[in-house]
Amino acid sequence: MTRIRTLIPKFDWIGPFIGIAAIATLIAAPALADDDTPDTPDTPGATTDPVAPAPQSVILIDQVQLNNVIANLDVEIEDFAKQASVTSTAVANTASGFVDAGDMDLDIRQSQDGTVSAIGILDGGSTRQAGVTTTAYGNSSTGGSWSGNTNYISSQITEGKIEAGTIVDLDETRKLTAATTGIANVSIPASENGNLNASILQESKDSVETTMDVDIDLVTHAATIANTAGGNSVSNSGSTTTNISSIDQRTDPGNLIEASTDIYIREGRNILGTTTAFGNSTTVHNEWGYASLGQSGDSLRQMNGSDIDSQTYVTLDHWTGSATSNAYGVGNAATISNVGSDTALYASQTNFGTVYTSANFTGTSPDGNAIASATSIGNAATATLCATCGDAALTGQTLQYNGANILANTTATVGFAGNIHGAATAVGNAATYQSNGD
């Protein structure tokens, strides 16, 4: 159900987070003329037309999805195609609200129950350029103002399973770009030239699973393959903006957030395979305005109870150039970056889910470079300030608790290669505050 209100509603449920600004009306009194000469802007006592107040937009969106949402797309190349494109998208609830100018109160409430599944398949002969994008979201919201103040409020609850899968099976291609993404809740506030107050609640109560299976006989130029599975995601951006975010993210215990990528290329060049799985992720990027992710006494809250599993398998019978097998997994991740203004990060992170990553590489090359890297982190918090102008300060506090196993595994097997680099990194808690500039 979607409702758009033209009057300011009562946001009693918001509590102390955000107040609603009253609409001001400018009333100009008529001028008193002491002769028959008409008033002009240069005449004492003259008036001009009153300046209209900035528009105030008030939007409330309620959405409930109680059954399955499924998208399947299969594209077959019988012989040859100059270009092949596959896009398969399944979203239970999606909402957005943007204004070019003026203030806005945007309140989005979304709930989902049922399976959300997206499958994208590209198979057959040869193509010069191939692109495959497969996306499955439970709830997705975005909004903001490009010249004004924004109160962005989002509540997202996902109770059904999220699945996304991609299959690529080709004889030959010059270039391949393939991306698979499955996330339970996604929220994207944005603002320019104003104030952005974001209050976001996200709850993921079921499992998320993404898979990629790529099998190609020959890649002559490059292949980039990315696979992502996540519970809750917030991506906040602002420019010339005072940006304050209050975030609460939770994933339920007993669930699995899993991303698995399997790549086989008989002969290839410049092959990149990367897989990412996370429980909760919040990213704020701001420029030229105070930015705070959480506040003193009201920290960003992230609690992950789901197990995290990220695995990448890359097998190349023969390759040239570069080849990479990368796997990354994290229970909770919080990142804020700002340019030129004071910055704060106040975060409370708790992880109870096992984090496991595995990067596997097998191949042969006379002079190629190969990288195999697996990284597992329980809780990660990063605040970065580029203080290029003025006396910008970086402040904050981070509390991290990890009660689960953190495991990283990397294997690399090569017949012969120019260079082979392997890395396996497992970290329970990581917090970094960094300020740099002239």
Protein backbone atom coordinates (compact mmCIF):
# COMPACT_ATOMS: atom_id res chain seq x y z
CA MET A 1 0.00 0.00 0.00
CA THR A 2 1.36 3.40 -0.95
CA ARG A 3 0.09 6.69 0.43
CA ILE A 4 1.25 10.21 -0.31
CA ARG A 5 0.20 12.84 2.16
CA THR A 6 0.11 16.55 1.44
CA LEU A 7 -0.23 17.53 5.09
CA ILE A 8 2.40 17.11 7.78
CA PRO A 9 1.64 13.86 9.68
CA LYS A 10 2.30 13.17 13.33
CA PHE A 11 5.40 11.00 13.57
CA ASP A 12 4.78 9.99 17.18
CA TRP A 13 6.45 6.62 16.63
CA ILE A 14 9.75 8.25 15.77
CA GLY A 15 10.41 9.26 19.33
CA PRO A 16 13.33 11.61 19.95
CA PHE A 17 15.06 11.06 16.60
CA ILE A 18 13.50 13.65 14.32
CA GLY A 19 11.23 16.63 14.79
CA ILE A 20 8.98 18.04 12.07
CA ALA A 21 9.60 21.66 11.11
CA ALA A 22 6.58 23.95 10.97
CA ILE A 23 5.75 25.75 7.74
CA ALA A 24 6.40 29.46 8.01
CA THR A 25 4.24 31.95 6.10
CA LEU A 26 5.53 35.40 5.20
CA ILE A 27 2.89 38.11 5.17
CA ALA A 28 3.85 41.53 3.91
CA ALA A 29 1.87 44.56 5.21
CA PRO A 30 0.55 46.98 2.57
CA ALA A 31 2.56 50.16 2.12
CA LEU A 32 1.06 53.58 3.07
CA ALA A 33 1.40 56.14 0.25
CA ASP A 34 1.55 59.82 1.22
CA ASP A 35 1.04 61.14 -2.34
CA ASP A 36 -0.27 60.03 -5.69
CA THR A 37 3.12 58.72 -6.86
CA PRO A 38 3.08 54.94 -7.18
CA ASP A 39 5.50 53.12 -4.94
CA THR A 40 8.54 51.57 -6.58
CA PRO A 41 11.32 49.51 -5.07
CA ASP A 42 13.38 52.74 -4.78
CA THR A 43 10.61 54.73 -3.10
CA PRO A 44 10.76 54.91 0.70
CA GLY A 45 8.05 52.78 2.20
CA ALA A 46 7.65 50.69 -0.93
CA THR A 47 7.32 46.92 -0.76
CA THR A 48 8.20 44.13 -3.15
CA ASP A 49 6.36 40.85 -3.56
CA PRO A 50 6.93 38.53 -0.58
CA VAL A 51 9.49 35.77 -1.04
CA ALA A 52 7.75 32.40 -1.19
CA PRO A 53 8.89 29.87 1.42
CA ALA A 54 10.74 26.78 0.26
CA PRO A 55 8.34 23.97 -0.62
CA GLN A 56 7.71 21.34 2.03
CA SER A 57 7.15 17.78 0.81
CA VAL A 58 5.72 15.20 3.20
CA ILE A 59 5.59 11.61 1.95
CA LEU A 60 4.54 8.41 3.73
CA ILE A 61 4.93 5.03 1.98
CA ASP A 62 3.70 1.76 3.53
CA GLN A 63 4.42 -1.51 1.71
CA VAL A 64 3.62 -5.13 2.65
CA GLN A 65 4.53 -8.16 0.50
CA LEU A 66 3.24 -11.52 1.76
CA ASN A 67 4.03 -13.96 -1.05
CA ASN A 68 6.81 -14.99 -3.41
CA VAL A 69 8.49 -12.68 -5.94
CA ILE A 70 10.35 -14.59 -8.68
CA ALA A 71 12.21 -13.48 -11.82
CA ASN A 72 13.81 -15.97 -14.23
CA LEU A 73 15.56 -15.05 -17.48
CA ASP A 74 17.37 -17.42 -19.87
CA VAL A 75 19.11 -16.03 -22.97
CA GLU A 76 20.63 -18.48 -25.44
CA ILE A 77 23.05 -17.60 -28.25
CA GLU A 78 22.64 -20.21 -30.96
CA ASP A 79 25.81 -19.21 -32.83
CA PHE A 80 27.13 -15.63 -32.55
CA ALA A 81 25.93 -12.27 -31.18
CA LYS A 82 27.77 -8.95 -31.22
CA GLN A 83 26.48 -8.18 -27.74
CA ALA A 84 24.50 -10.16 -25.19
CA SER A 85 22.82 -8.65 -22.14
CA VAL A 86 20.89 -10.40 -19.38
CA THR A 87 19.18 -8.51 -16.52
CA SER A 88 17.04 -10.39 -14.00
CA THR A 89 15.64 -8.48 -11.01
CA ALA A 90 13.29 -9.49 -8.19
CA VAL A 91 12.35 -7.04 -5.41
CA ALA A 92 9.55 -7.52 -2.88
CA ASN A 93 9.16 -3.82 -2.00
CA THR A 94 10.80 -0.78 -3.57
CA ALA A 95 10.16 2.87 -2.73
CA SER A 96 11.78 6.22 -3.50
CA GLY A 97 11.16 9.89 -2.88
CA PHE A 98 13.27 12.71 -4.34
CA VAL A 99 12.77 16.47 -4.67
CA ASP A 100 14.92 18.86 -6.68
CA ALA A 101 14.54 21.74 -4.20
CA GLY A 102 12.92 22.33 -0.83
CA ASP A 103 12.57 20.42 2.40
CA MET A 104 11.20 16.88 2.63
CA ASP A 105 9.97 14.50 5.30
CA LEU A 106 10.16 10.98 3.84
CA ASP A 107 8.82 8.07 5.89
CA ILE A 108 9.08 4.56 4.35
CA ARG A 109 7.86 1.38 6.07
CA GLN A 110 8.37 -1.97 4.36
CA SER A 111 7.80 -5.60 5.36
CA GLN A 112 8.30 -8.78 3.34
CA ASP A 113 7.39 -12.43 3.89
CA GLY A 114 7.93 -15.03 1.17
CA THR A 115 10.79 -16.04 -1.09
CA VAL A 116 12.42 -13.46 -3.36
CA SER A 117 14.33 -15.20 -6.16
CA ALA A 118 16.15 -13.96 -9.28
CA ILE A 119 17.88 -16.20 -11.84
CA GLY A 120 19.89 -14.99 -14.86
CA ILE A 121 21.26 -17.41 -17.48
CA LEU A 122 23.38 -16.74 -20.56
CA ASP A 123 24.53 -19.74 -22.60
CA GLY A 124 25.33 -20.93 -26.09
CA GLY A 125 27.89 -19.80 -28.67
CA SER A 126 30.08 -16.71 -28.91
CA THR A 127 29.69 -12.98 -28.33
CA ARG A 128 32.01 -9.98 -28.43
CA GLN A 129 30.68 -8.54 -25.20
CA ALA A 130 28.52 -10.17 -22.55
CA GLY A 131 26.85 -8.63 -19.51
CA VAL A 132 24.80 -10.44 -16.87
CA THR A 133 23.20 -8.74 -13.86
CA THR A 134 21.10 -10.70 -11.38
CA THR A 135 19.57 -8.91 -8.37
CA ALA A 136 17.26 -10.00 -5.54
CA TYR A 137 16.22 -7.59 -2.75
CA GLY A 138 13.68 -8.03 0.01
CA ASN A 139 13.12 -4.32 0.70
CA SER A 140 14.71 -1.36 -1.09
CA SER A 141 14.29 2.35 -0.31
CA THR A 142 15.97 5.56 -1.40
CA GLY A 143 15.35 9.31 -1.29
CA GLY A 144 16.56 12.80 -0.57
CA SER A 145 16.67 16.45 -1.63
CA TRP A 146 19.19 18.09 -3.94
CA SER A 147 18.69 21.54 -2.42
CA GLY A 148 16.99 21.45 0.95
CA ASN A 149 16.67 19.61 4.23
CA THR A 150 15.70 15.94 4.39
CA ASN A 151 14.28 13.86 7.22
CA TYR A 152 14.74 10.31 5.93
CA ILE A 153 13.02 7.61 7.99
CA SER A 154 13.07 3.97 6.89
CA SER A 155 11.85 0.79 8.60
CA GLN A 156 12.54 -2.49 6.77
CA ILE A 157 11.71 -6.02 7.95
CA THR A 158 12.42 -9.11 5.85
CA GLU A 159 11.07 -12.48 6.98
CA GLY A 160 11.45 -14.48 3.74
CA LYS A 161 14.45 -16.06 2.04
CA ILE A 162 16.44 -14.11 -0.57
CA GLU A 163 18.01 -16.01 -3.49
CA ALA A 164 19.98 -14.87 -6.55
CA GLY A 165 21.78 -17.04 -9.08
CA THR A 166 23.74 -16.50 -12.30
CA ILE A 167 24.84 -19.05 -14.90
CA VAL A 168 27.16 -18.20 -17.80
CA ASP A 169 28.08 -21.01 -20.21
CA LEU A 170 29.67 -19.77 -23.47
CA ASP A 171 32.08 -20.90 -26.13
CA GLU A 172 33.88 -17.55 -26.45
CA THR A 173 33.70 -13.87 -25.52
CA ARG A 174 36.03 -10.91 -25.73
CA LYS A 175 34.74 -9.33 -22.52
CA LEU A 176 32.45 -10.50 -19.73
CA THR A 177 30.94 -8.49 -16.88
CA ALA A 178 28.77 -10.49 -14.50
CA ALA A 179 27.31 -9.43 -11.14
CA THR A 180 25.03 -11.29 -8.74
CA THR A 181 23.55 -9.53 -5.69
CA GLY A 182 21.18 -10.74 -3.00
CA ILE A 183 20.43 -8.52 0.03
CA ALA A 184 17.51 -8.67 2.45
CA ASN A 185 17.22 -4.90 3.14
CA VAL A 186 18.75 -1.97 1.24
CA SER A 187 18.41 1.71 2.19
CA ILE A 188 20.06 4.57 0.28
CA PRO A 189 19.55 8.15 1.55
CA ALA A 190 21.24 10.98 -0.39
CA SER A 191 21.45 14.77 -0.12
CA GLU A 192 23.11 17.86 -1.56
CA ASN A 193 23.16 21.45 -0.27
CA GLY A 194 21.19 20.96 2.93
CA ASN A 195 20.76 18.87 6.07
CA LEU A 196 20.21 15.11 6.03
CA ASN A 197 18.86 13.38 9.13
CA ALA A 198 18.54 9.63 8.55
CA SER A 199 16.86 7.25 11.00
CA ILE A 200 16.92 3.65 9.72
CA LEU A 201 15.83 0.32 11.19
CA GLN A 202 16.62 -2.95 9.34
CA GLU A 203 15.83 -6.51 10.39
CA SER A 204 16.77 -9.63 8.38
CA LYS A 205 15.03 -12.71 9.77
CA ASP A 206 15.82 -15.38 7.14
CA SER A 207 18.69 -16.66 5.00
CA VAL A 208 20.31 -15.07 1.95
CA GLU A 209 21.96 -17.19 -0.74
CA THR A 210 23.71 -16.17 -3.96
CA THR A 211 25.49 -18.39 -6.50
CA MET A 212 27.54 -17.86 -9.66
CA ASP A 213 28.58 -20.56 -12.12
CA VAL A 214 30.77 -19.36 -15.03
CA ASP A 215 32.07 -21.79 -17.66
CA ILE A 216 33.73 -20.33 -20.78
CA ASP A 217 36.06 -21.91 -23.28
CA LEU A 218 37.88 -18.69 -24.29
CA VAL A 219 38.05 -15.12 -22.91
CA THR A 220 40.27 -13.00 -25.13
CA HIS A 221 40.30 -9.67 -23.25
CA ALA A 222 38.86 -9.66 -19.72
CA ALA A 223 36.26 -11.14 -17.37
CA THR A 224 35.02 -9.44 -14.19
CA ILE A 225 32.78 -11.57 -11.99
CA ALA A 226 31.35 -10.28 -8.69
CA ASN A 227 29.02 -12.02 -6.24
CA THR A 228 27.48 -10.42 -3.11
CA ALA A 229 25.16 -11.71 -0.37
CA GLY A 230 24.11 -9.53 2.56
CA GLY A 231 21.61 -9.14 5.36
CA ASN A 232 21.22 -5.37 5.84
CA SER A 233 22.83 -2.57 3.85
CA VAL A 234 22.79 1.22 4.23
CA SER A 235 24.65 3.48 1.80
CA ASN A 236 24.42 7.18 2.68
CA SER A 237 25.95 10.00 0.62
CA GLY A 238 26.00 13.79 0.96
CA SER A 239 27.71 16.79 -0.60
CA THR A 240 27.75 20.24 1.05
CA THR A 241 25.55 18.52 3.61
CA THR A 242 25.25 18.26 7.36
CA ASN A 243 24.78 14.50 7.54
CA ILE A 244 23.61 12.74 10.72
CA SER A 245 22.64 9.06 10.69
CA SER A 246 20.96 6.93 13.36
CA ILE A 247 21.08 3.26 12.30
CA ASP A 248 19.87 0.01 13.87
CA GLN A 249 20.64 -3.24 11.97
CA ARG A 250 19.90 -6.80 13.07
CA THR A 251 20.17 -10.30 11.58
CA ASP A 252 18.59 -13.25 13.35
CA PRO A 253 20.63 -16.20 14.67
CA GLY A 254 20.30 -19.60 13.06
CA ASN A 255 20.30 -18.23 9.51
CA LEU A 256 22.96 -18.39 6.77
CA ILE A 257 24.19 -15.59 4.53
CA GLU A 258 26.11 -17.36 1.79
CA ALA A 259 27.79 -16.34 -1.47
CA SER A 260 29.47 -18.96 -3.65
CA THR A 261 31.31 -18.39 -6.96
CA ASP A 262 32.67 -21.09 -9.27
CA ILE A 263 34.64 -20.00 -12.37
CA TYR A 264 36.18 -22.26 -15.01
CA ILE A 265 37.85 -20.78 -18.11
CA ARG A 266 39.90 -22.98 -20.39
CA GLU A 267 41.92 -20.09 -21.81
CA GLY A 268 41.58 -16.52 -20.58
CA ARG A 269 43.11 -13.14 -20.03
CA ASN A 270 42.69 -10.77 -17.05
CA ILE A 271 40.23 -12.80 -14.97
CA LEU A 272 38.81 -11.34 -11.74
CA GLY A 273 36.54 -13.32 -9.43
CA THR A 274 35.43 -11.73 -6.14
CA THR A 275 32.85 -12.87 -3.59
CA THR A 276 31.47 -10.90 -0.62
CA ALA A 277 29.14 -11.90 2.22
CA PHE A 278 28.11 -9.73 5.18
CA GLY A 279 25.58 -9.55 7.96
CA ASN A 280 25.21 -5.79 8.46
CA SER A 281 26.89 -3.03 6.49
CA THR A 282 26.60 0.77 6.82
CA THR A 283 28.57 3.23 4.69
CA VAL A 284 28.45 7.03 4.89
CA HIS A 285 30.35 9.22 2.44
CA ASN A 286 30.10 12.98 2.89
CA GLU A 287 31.85 16.10 1.59
CA TRP A 288 32.03 19.65 2.98
CA GLY A 289 29.70 19.34 5.93
CA TYR A 290 29.59 17.85 9.42
CA ALA A 291 29.01 14.08 9.25
CA SER A 292 28.16 11.72 12.08
CA LEU A 293 27.41 8.01 11.99
CA GLY A 294 25.80 7.52 15.36
CA GLN A 295 26.11 10.07 18.15
CA SER A 296 27.29 10.13 21.72
CA GLY A 297 24.62 8.30 23.70
CA ASP A 298 22.94 7.03 20.53
CA SER A 299 25.46 4.79 18.75
CA LEU A 300 25.08 3.00 15.48
CA ARG A 301 23.84 -0.45 16.50
CA GLN A 302 24.74 -3.58 14.57
CA MET A 303 23.93 -7.09 15.78
CA ASN A 304 24.69 -10.08 13.56
CA GLY A 305 23.50 -13.54 14.52
CA SER A 306 23.67 -15.19 11.09
CA ASP A 307 26.54 -17.34 9.88
CA ILE A 308 28.55 -15.74 7.05
CA ASP A 309 30.01 -17.88 4.24
CA SER A 310 31.94 -16.51 1.25
CA GLN A 311 33.70 -18.83 -1.22
CA THR A 312 35.45 -18.27 -4.57
CA TYR A 313 36.81 -20.98 -6.87
CA VAL A 314 38.79 -19.94 -9.96
CA THR A 315 40.19 -22.59 -12.34
CA LEU A 316 42.11 -21.49 -15.45
CA ASP A 317 43.74 -24.11 -17.62
CA HIS A 318 45.82 -21.33 -19.17
CA TRP A 319 45.80 -17.59 -18.62
CA THR A 320 47.72 -14.43 -19.48
CA GLY A 321 47.76 -11.06 -17.76
CA SER A 322 46.26 -11.12 -14.26
CA ALA A 323 44.06 -13.60 -12.42
CA THR A 324 42.39 -13.13 -9.03
CA SER A 325 40.37 -15.26 -6.65
CA ASN A 326 39.09 -13.17 -3.76
CA ALA A 327 36.69 -13.97 -0.88
CA TYR A 328 35.61 -11.48 1.80
CA GLY A 329 33.26 -11.98 4.74
CA VAL A 330 32.28 -9.77 7.70
CA GLY A 331 29.67 -9.95 10.43
CA ASN A 332 29.25 -6.19 10.97
CA ALA A 333 30.86 -3.36 9.00
CA ALA A 334 30.57 0.40 9.61
CA THR A 335 32.41 3.00 7.53
CA ILE A 336 32.25 6.79 7.46
CA SER A 337 34.41 9.09 5.32
CA ASN A 338 34.30 12.87 5.04
CA VAL A 339 36.15 15.70 3.36
CA GLY A 340 36.90 19.06 4.96
CA SER A 341 34.54 19.01 7.99
CA ASP A 342 34.20 17.54 11.46
CA THR A 343 33.45 13.82 11.50
CA ALA A 344 32.21 11.39 14.17
CA LEU A 345 31.71 7.64 14.45
CA TYR A 346 29.91 6.15 17.44
CA ALA A 347 29.34 2.43 16.91
CA SER A 348 28.24 -0.60 18.91
CA GLN A 349 28.84 -3.90 17.10
CA THR A 350 28.01 -7.42 18.26
CA ASN A 351 28.70 -10.56 16.23
CA PHE A 352 27.57 -14.10 17.15
CA GLY A 353 27.69 -15.62 13.65
CA THR A 354 30.58 -17.71 12.36
CA VAL A 355 32.44 -15.97 9.54
CA TYR A 356 34.08 -18.28 7.00
CA THR A 357 35.83 -17.35 3.77
CA SER A 358 37.65 -19.51 1.22
CA ALA A 359 39.59 -18.38 -1.86
CA ASN A 360 40.81 -21.10 -4.23
CA PHE A 361 42.91 -20.71 -7.37
CA THR A 362 44.22 -23.25 -9.88
CA GLY A 363 45.92 -22.38 -13.15
CA THR A 364 48.88 -22.35 -15.50
CA SER A 365 50.55 -19.36 -17.16
CA PRO A 366 53.99 -18.67 -18.65
CA ASP A 367 54.20 -15.09 -17.34
CA GLY A 368 50.87 -14.19 -15.69
CA ASN A 369 50.26 -12.78 -12.22
CA ALA A 370 47.89 -14.56 -9.84
CA ILE A 371 46.35 -13.52 -6.51
CA ALA A 372 44.35 -15.66 -4.08
CA SER A 373 43.05 -13.87 -0.97
CA ALA A 374 40.55 -14.72 1.79
CA THR A 375 39.57 -12.24 4.53
CA SER A 376 37.23 -12.86 7.47
CA ILE A 377 36.30 -10.23 10.08
CA GLY A 378 33.84 -10.36 12.95
CA ASN A 379 33.36 -6.58 13.46
CA ALA A 380 34.91 -3.77 11.41
CA ALA A 381 34.59 -0.02 12.05
CA THR A 382 36.42 2.67 10.05
CA ALA A 383 36.29 6.47 10.22
CA THR A 384 38.35 8.51 7.74
CA LEU A 385 38.64 12.30 7.55
CA CYS A 386 40.45 14.19 4.84
CA ALA A 387 40.99 17.57 6.56
CA THR A 388 42.07 19.50 3.48
CA CYS A 389 40.62 22.81 4.68
CA GLY A 390 40.16 24.37 8.10
CA ASP A 391 40.53 22.64 11.43
CA ALA A 392 38.34 19.58 10.98
CA ALA A 393 38.26 17.12 13.89
CA LEU A 394 37.61 13.40 14.14
CA THR A 395 35.80 12.06 17.23
CA GLY A 396 33.93 8.97 18.32
CA GLN A 397 33.74 5.74 20.29
CA THR A 398 33.51 2.12 19.15
CA LEU A 399 32.39 -0.87 21.21
CA GLN A 400 32.94 -4.29 19.61
CA TYR A 401 32.05 -7.76 20.84
CA ASN A 402 32.70 -10.94 18.86
CA GLY A 403 31.57 -14.30 20.22
CA ALA A 404 32.00 -16.48 17.13
CA ASN A 405 34.69 -18.30 15.17
CA ILE A 406 36.39 -16.28 12.41
CA LEU A 407 37.95 -18.51 9.73
CA ALA A 408 39.86 -17.74 6.51
CA ASN A 409 41.22 -20.31 4.07
CA THR A 410 43.27 -19.80 0.90
CA THR A 411 44.64 -22.38 -1.53
CA ALA A 412 46.64 -21.75 -4.71
CA THR A 413 47.88 -24.39 -7.14
CA VAL A 414 49.83 -23.38 -10.26
CA GLY A 415 51.73 -25.34 -12.88
CA PHE A 416 53.97 -22.37 -13.54
CA ALA A 417 53.36 -18.64 -13.36
CA GLY A 418 55.19 -15.35 -13.45
CA ASN A 419 54.01 -14.41 -9.95
CA ILE A 420 51.70 -16.00 -7.41
CA HIS A 421 50.50 -14.20 -4.26
CA GLY A 422 48.40 -15.76 -1.51
CA ALA A 423 46.90 -14.28 1.66
CA ALA A 424 44.58 -15.52 4.42
CA THR A 425 43.44 -13.01 7.07
CA ALA A 426 41.15 -13.63 10.05
CA VAL A 427 40.33 -10.80 12.50
CA GLY A 428 37.88 -10.79 15.39
CA ASN A 429 37.48 -7.02 15.87
CA ALA A 430 39.00 -4.15 13.87
CA ALA A 431 38.51 -0.41 14.51
CA THR A 432 40.34 2.39 12.69
CA TYR A 433 40.06 6.17 13.09
CA GLN A 434 42.23 8.13 10.65
CA SER A 435 42.58 11.83 9.88
CA ASN A 436 44.92 13.14 7.23
CA GLY A 437 45.44 16.28 5.16
CA ASP A 438 47.62 19.33 4.68
